[in-house]
C-alpha atoms as a PDB file:
ATOM      1  CA  MET A   1       7.098  -8.624  19.806  1.00  0.00           C
ATOM      2  CA  ARG A   2       7.797  -5.158  18.618  1.00  0.00           C
ATOM      3  CA  PRO A   3       5.542  -3.736  16.453  1.00  0.00           C
ATOM      4  CA  GLY A   4       7.899  -1.867  14.222  1.00  0.00           C
ATOM      5  CA  ALA A   5       8.078  -1.473  10.232  1.00  0.00           C
ATOM      6  CA  ALA A   6       5.352  -4.676  10.433  1.00  0.00           C
ATOM      7  CA  ILE A   7       2.717  -1.958  10.949  1.00  0.00           C
ATOM      8  CA  PHE A   8       3.436  -1.279   7.611  1.00  0.00           C
ATOM      9  CA  GLY A   9       3.201  -4.786   6.167  1.00  0.00           C
ATOM     10  CA  VAL A  10       7.231  -5.729   6.667  1.00  0.00           C
ATOM     11  CA  ASN A  11       7.309  -9.574   7.404  1.00  0.00           C
ATOM     12  CA  PRO A  12       7.852  -9.912  11.217  1.00  0.00           C
ATOM     13  CA  GLN A  13       8.974 -13.759  11.104  1.00  0.00           C
ATOM     14  CA  PRO A  14      12.003 -13.560   8.359  1.00  0.00           C
ATOM     15  CA  GLY A  15      12.085 -16.739   6.628  1.00  0.00           C
ATOM     16  CA  ARG A  16       7.958 -17.561   7.391  1.00  0.00           C
ATOM     17  CA  PRO A  17       5.315 -16.497   5.649  1.00  0.00           C
ATOM     18  CA  ASN A  18       3.894 -13.169   5.936  1.00  0.00           C
ATOM     19  CA  PRO A  19       0.597 -12.833   7.846  1.00  0.00           C
ATOM     20  CA  LEU A  20       0.670  -8.840   7.622  1.00  0.00           C
ATOM     21  CA  ARG A  21      -1.163  -7.197   4.693  1.00  0.00           C
ATOM     22  CA  GLN A  22       1.205  -5.625   2.654  1.00  0.00           C
ATOM     23  CA  ILE A  23      -0.554  -1.775   3.060  1.00  0.00           C
ATOM     24  CA  VAL A  24       2.563   0.406   1.214  1.00  0.00           C
ATOM     25  CA  ARG A  25       1.981   1.186  -2.488  1.00  0.00           C
ATOM     26  CA  LEU A  26       4.248   2.828  -4.403  1.00  0.00           C
ATOM     27  CA  SER A  27       3.960   3.922  -7.895  1.00  0.00           C
ATOM     28  CA  ALA A  28       5.694   6.122 -10.675  1.00  0.00           C
ATOM     29  CA  LYS A  29       4.841   7.648 -13.515  1.00  0.00           C
ATOM     30  CA  ILE A  30       5.913   6.427 -17.277  1.00  0.00           C
ATOM     31  CA  VAL A  31       7.867   9.494 -18.967  1.00  0.00           C
ATOM     32  CA  GLN A  32       8.828   7.600 -22.443  1.00  0.00           C
ATOM     33  CA  VAL A  33       8.966   4.489 -24.382  1.00  0.00           C
ATOM     34  CA  ARG A  34      10.869   3.530 -26.165  1.00  0.00           C
ATOM     35  CA  GLN A  35      11.437   0.188 -28.926  1.00  0.00           C
ATOM     36  CA  ILE A  36      15.204  -0.890 -28.439  1.00  0.00           C
ATOM     37  CA  ASP A  37      16.679  -3.108 -31.105  1.00  0.00           C
ATOM     38  CA  ARG A  38      18.787  -6.457 -29.984  1.00  0.00           C
ATOM     39  CA  GLY A  39      22.107  -5.576 -29.479  1.00  0.00           C
ATOM     40  CA  GLU A  40      21.572  -1.506 -28.268  1.00  0.00           C
ATOM     41  CA  SER A  41      22.211  -0.329 -24.248  1.00  0.00           C
ATOM     42  CA  VAL A  42      19.535   1.458 -22.081  1.00  0.00           C
ATOM     43  CA  GLY A  43      19.865   3.020 -18.809  1.00  0.00           C
ATOM     44  CA  TYR A  44      22.400   4.709 -16.837  1.00  0.00           C
ATOM     45  CA  GLY A  45      25.342   4.322 -18.209  1.00  0.00           C
ATOM     46  CA  ALA A  46      24.556   2.009 -21.134  1.00  0.00           C
ATOM     47  CA  ALA A  47      24.377  -0.699 -17.869  1.00  0.00           C
ATOM     48  CA  HIS A  48      22.134  -2.641 -19.931  1.00  0.00           C
ATOM     49  CA  ILE A  49      22.301  -4.724 -23.332  1.00  0.00           C
ATOM     50  CA  MET A  50      19.653  -6.085 -25.102  1.00  0.00           C
ATOM     51  CA  GLU A  51      19.217  -9.642 -26.093  1.00  0.00           C
ATOM     52  CA  ALA A  52      16.080  -9.251 -28.408  1.00  0.00           C
ATOM     53  CA  PRO A  53      14.502  -6.393 -29.556  1.00  0.00           C
ATOM     54  CA  GLY A  54      11.882  -4.911 -26.717  1.00  0.00           C
ATOM     55  CA  ARG A  55      10.067  -1.905 -25.208  1.00  0.00           C
ATOM     56  CA  ALA A  56      11.741  -0.068 -22.443  1.00  0.00           C
ATOM     57  CA  ALA A  57       9.889   2.197 -20.250  1.00  0.00           C
ATOM     58  CA  ILE A  58      11.811   5.321 -18.413  1.00  0.00           C
ATOM     59  CA  VAL A  59      10.497   5.675 -15.452  1.00  0.00           C
ATOM     60  CA  ALA A  60      10.447   8.998 -13.337  1.00  0.00           C
ATOM     61  CA  VAL A  61      11.810   7.191  -9.905  1.00  0.00           C
ATOM     62  CA  GLY A  62      15.657   6.852  -9.146  1.00  0.00           C
ATOM     63  CA  TYR A  63      17.745   7.330  -5.953  1.00  0.00           C
ATOM     64  CA  ALA A  64      17.410  10.623  -5.370  1.00  0.00           C
ATOM     65  CA  ASP A  65      13.722   9.144  -4.292  1.00  0.00           C
ATOM     66  CA  GLY A  66      15.029   6.576  -2.070  1.00  0.00           C
ATOM     67  CA  TRP A  67      15.191   3.514  -4.725  1.00  0.00           C
ATOM     68  CA  LEU A  68      17.690   1.896  -3.680  1.00  0.00           C
ATOM     69  CA  ARG A  69      20.790   1.576  -6.557  1.00  0.00           C
ATOM     70  CA  SER A  70      21.486  -2.133  -5.379  1.00  0.00           C
ATOM     71  CA  LEU A  71      17.961  -2.629  -7.286  1.00  0.00           C
ATOM     72  CA  SER A  72      20.482  -1.955 -10.308  1.00  0.00           C
ATOM     73  CA  HIS A  73      19.984  -4.858 -12.813  1.00  0.00           C
ATOM     74  CA  ARG A  74      17.707  -7.075 -10.613  1.00  0.00           C
ATOM     75  CA  GLY A  75      15.068  -4.615  -9.105  1.00  0.00           C
ATOM     76  CA  CYS A  76      11.288  -4.957 -11.027  1.00  0.00           C
ATOM     77  CA  GLY A  77       7.858  -3.805 -10.856  1.00  0.00           C
ATOM     78  CA  TYR A  78       4.459  -4.300 -11.972  1.00  0.00           C
ATOM     79  CA  LEU A  79       2.345  -2.747 -15.367  1.00  0.00           C
ATOM     80  CA  ALA A  80      -1.372  -4.043 -15.885  1.00  0.00           C
ATOM     81  CA  GLY A  81      -0.582  -7.004 -13.665  1.00  0.00           C
ATOM     82  CA  THR A  82       2.809  -8.057 -15.424  1.00  0.00           C
ATOM     83  CA  ARG A  83       6.265  -8.276 -13.635  1.00  0.00           C
ATOM     84  CA  VAL A  84       8.316  -5.984 -15.967  1.00  0.00           C
ATOM     85  CA  PRO A  85      12.366  -6.459 -15.257  1.00  0.00           C
ATOM     86  CA  LEU A  86      14.014  -3.063 -14.290  1.00  0.00           C
ATOM     87  CA  LEU A  87      17.216  -2.794 -17.163  1.00  0.00           C
ATOM     88  CA  GLY A  88      20.596  -1.303 -15.892  1.00  0.00           C
ATOM     89  CA  ARG A  89      21.513   1.148 -12.990  1.00  0.00           C
ATOM     90  CA  VAL A  90      19.279   2.692 -10.821  1.00  0.00           C
ATOM     91  CA  SER A  91      19.933   6.679 -11.605  1.00  0.00           C
ATOM     92  CA  MET A  92      19.202  10.110  -9.828  1.00  0.00           C
ATOM     93  CA  ASP A  93      16.593  10.535 -10.787  1.00  0.00           C
ATOM     94  CA  LEU A  94      15.331   7.596 -13.211  1.00  0.00           C
ATOM     95  CA  VAL A  95      15.059   4.393 -13.681  1.00  0.00           C
ATOM     96  CA  THR A  96      14.497   1.826 -17.025  1.00  0.00           C
ATOM     97  CA  PHE A  97      11.756  -1.261 -17.519  1.00  0.00           C
ATOM     98  CA  ASP A  98      11.338  -3.617 -19.960  1.00  0.00           C
ATOM     99  CA  VAL A  99       7.923  -3.349 -20.877  1.00  0.00           C
ATOM    100  CA  SER A 100       7.829  -6.345 -23.854  1.00  0.00           C
ATOM    101  CA  ALA A 101       5.537  -8.576 -22.387  1.00  0.00           C
ATOM    102  CA  VAL A 102       3.064  -5.782 -21.475  1.00  0.00           C
ATOM    103  CA  PRO A 103       0.657  -4.349 -24.806  1.00  0.00           C
ATOM    104  CA  PRO A 104       1.349  -0.969 -25.914  1.00  0.00           C
ATOM    105  CA  ALA A 105      -2.096   0.745 -25.570  1.00  0.00           C
ATOM    106  CA  LEU A 106      -1.116  -0.207 -21.503  1.00  0.00           C
ATOM    107  CA  ALA A 107       2.559   0.509 -21.991  1.00  0.00           C
ATOM    108  CA  HIS A 108       2.462   4.672 -22.316  1.00  0.00           C
ATOM    109  CA  PRO A 109       3.782   7.685 -21.184  1.00  0.00           C
ATOM    110  CA  GLY A 110       1.702   8.627 -18.158  1.00  0.00           C
ATOM    111  CA  ALA A 111       0.954   4.781 -17.221  1.00  0.00           C
ATOM    112  CA  MET A 112       2.042   4.308 -13.643  1.00  0.00           C
ATOM    113  CA  ILE A 113       4.268   1.070 -12.821  1.00  0.00           C
ATOM    114  CA  GLU A 114       3.271  -0.219  -9.541  1.00  0.00           C
ATOM    115  CA  LEU A 115       7.282  -0.089  -7.438  1.00  0.00           C
ATOM    116  CA  LEU A 116       5.626  -1.449  -3.919  1.00  0.00           C
ATOM    117  CA  GLY A 117       2.214  -3.177  -3.652  1.00  0.00           C
ATOM    118  CA  ALA A 118       0.672  -6.310  -3.455  1.00  0.00           C
ATOM    119  CA  ASP A 119       2.653  -8.479  -6.476  1.00  0.00           C
ATOM    120  CA  TYR A 120       5.961  -6.669  -5.185  1.00  0.00           C
ATOM    121  CA  GLY A 121       6.169  -6.084  -1.358  1.00  0.00           C
ATOM    122  CA  VAL A 122       8.888  -4.188   0.823  1.00  0.00           C
ATOM    123  CA  ASP A 123      10.078  -7.229   1.914  1.00  0.00           C
ATOM    124  CA  ASP A 124      10.451  -8.262  -2.072  1.00  0.00           C
ATOM    125  CA  VAL A 125      12.285  -5.151  -3.103  1.00  0.00           C
ATOM    126  CA  ALA A 126      14.552  -5.566   0.191  1.00  0.00           C
ATOM    127  CA  THR A 127      15.246  -9.218  -1.038  1.00  0.00           C
ATOM    128  CA  ASP A 128      16.316  -7.764  -4.113  1.00  0.00           C
ATOM    129  CA  ALA A 129      17.911  -4.985  -2.948  1.00  0.00           C
ATOM    130  CA  GLY A 130      19.935  -7.215  -0.358  1.00  0.00           C
ATOM    131  CA  THR A 131      19.034  -5.491   2.691  1.00  0.00           C
ATOM    132  CA  ILE A 132      15.601  -5.517   5.105  1.00  0.00           C
ATOM    133  CA  GLY A 133      12.520  -4.238   5.146  1.00  0.00           C
ATOM    134  CA  TYR A 134      13.182  -1.069   7.250  1.00  0.00           C
ATOM    135  CA  GLU A 135      15.833  -0.008   5.088  1.00  0.00           C
ATOM    136  CA  ILE A 136      13.187   0.218   2.243  1.00  0.00           C
ATOM    137  CA  LEU A 137      10.927   1.996   3.919  1.00  0.00           C
ATOM    138  CA  CYS A 138      13.434   4.779   6.031  1.00  0.00           C
ATOM    139  CA  ALA A 139      15.050   5.161   2.280  1.00  0.00           C
ATOM    140  CA  LEU A 140      11.815   6.316   0.752  1.00  0.00           C
ATOM    141  CA  GLY A 141      11.855  10.006   0.068  1.00  0.00           C
ATOM    142  CA  SER A 142      10.450  13.450   0.630  1.00  0.00           C
ATOM    143  CA  ARG A 143       9.699  13.633  -3.213  1.00  0.00           C
ATOM    144  CA  TYR A 144       6.681  11.396  -3.382  1.00  0.00           C
ATOM    145  CA  HIS A 145       3.105  12.537  -2.900  1.00  0.00           C
ATOM    146  CA  ARG A 146       2.005  10.973   0.119  1.00  0.00           C
ATOM    147  CA  ILE A 147      -2.163   9.356   0.864  1.00  0.00           C
ATOM    148  CA  TYR A 148      -2.889   8.787   3.860  1.00  0.00           C
ATOM    149  CA  PRO A 149      -6.625   6.943   3.410  1.00  0.00           C
ATOM    150  CA  GLU A 150      -8.828   7.395   5.871  1.00  0.00           C
ATOM    151  CA  PRO A 151      -9.865   4.417   8.053  1.00  0.00           C
ATOM    152  CA  PRO A 152     -13.158   2.590   7.020  1.00  0.00           C
ATOM    153  CA  GLU A 153     -16.161   3.920   9.336  1.00  0.00           C
ATOM    154  CA  SER A 154     -16.401   0.299  11.154  1.00  0.00           C
ATOM    155  CA  SER A 155     -13.010   0.893  12.688  1.00  0.00           C
ATOM    156  CA  ARG A 156     -13.354   3.887  13.718  1.00  0.00           C
ATOM    157  CA  THR A 157     -13.783   4.589  17.949  1.00  0.00           C
ATOM    158  CA  ASN A 158     -16.368   6.987  18.991  1.00  0.00           C
ATOM    159  CA  PRO A 159     -15.132   9.288  21.947  1.00  0.00           C
ATOM    160  CA  PRO A 160     -17.295   9.572  25.107  1.00  0.00           C
ATOM    161  CA  GLU A 161     -19.280  11.957  25.102  1.00  0.00           C
END
């Protein structure tokens, strides 16, 4: 077996439980929250019509960042441990999430929505996008701020003297 994307936590055995830990994390900032009435449209091209009143968060991520357009109408994120569905289309720089189920004190401009993480992994996003984990990882663009944590002290090897 070749490691490939498995080193990032992508399941090397599709159709079976993933024996690997998800290590890629991706979050994006809420830039605006709006109260939306039933029947109002939201998202790029007014592609989603609200079936009930709710709150929508506009988030600074889009297909220019590699967040695939195929996630339109079916992707999600997580805010404060709560799944928040993506509403409408993914645009070049923004997406809209339904944050109605999250307390207003937690769904505010500046709060971060988790796009990839323990609750919504690379394979989950790939399934929602109708693709594979490799494409999700390869699509992530250069506009993201990357953090490469240091390995724990116990996993470092000391060079020979």
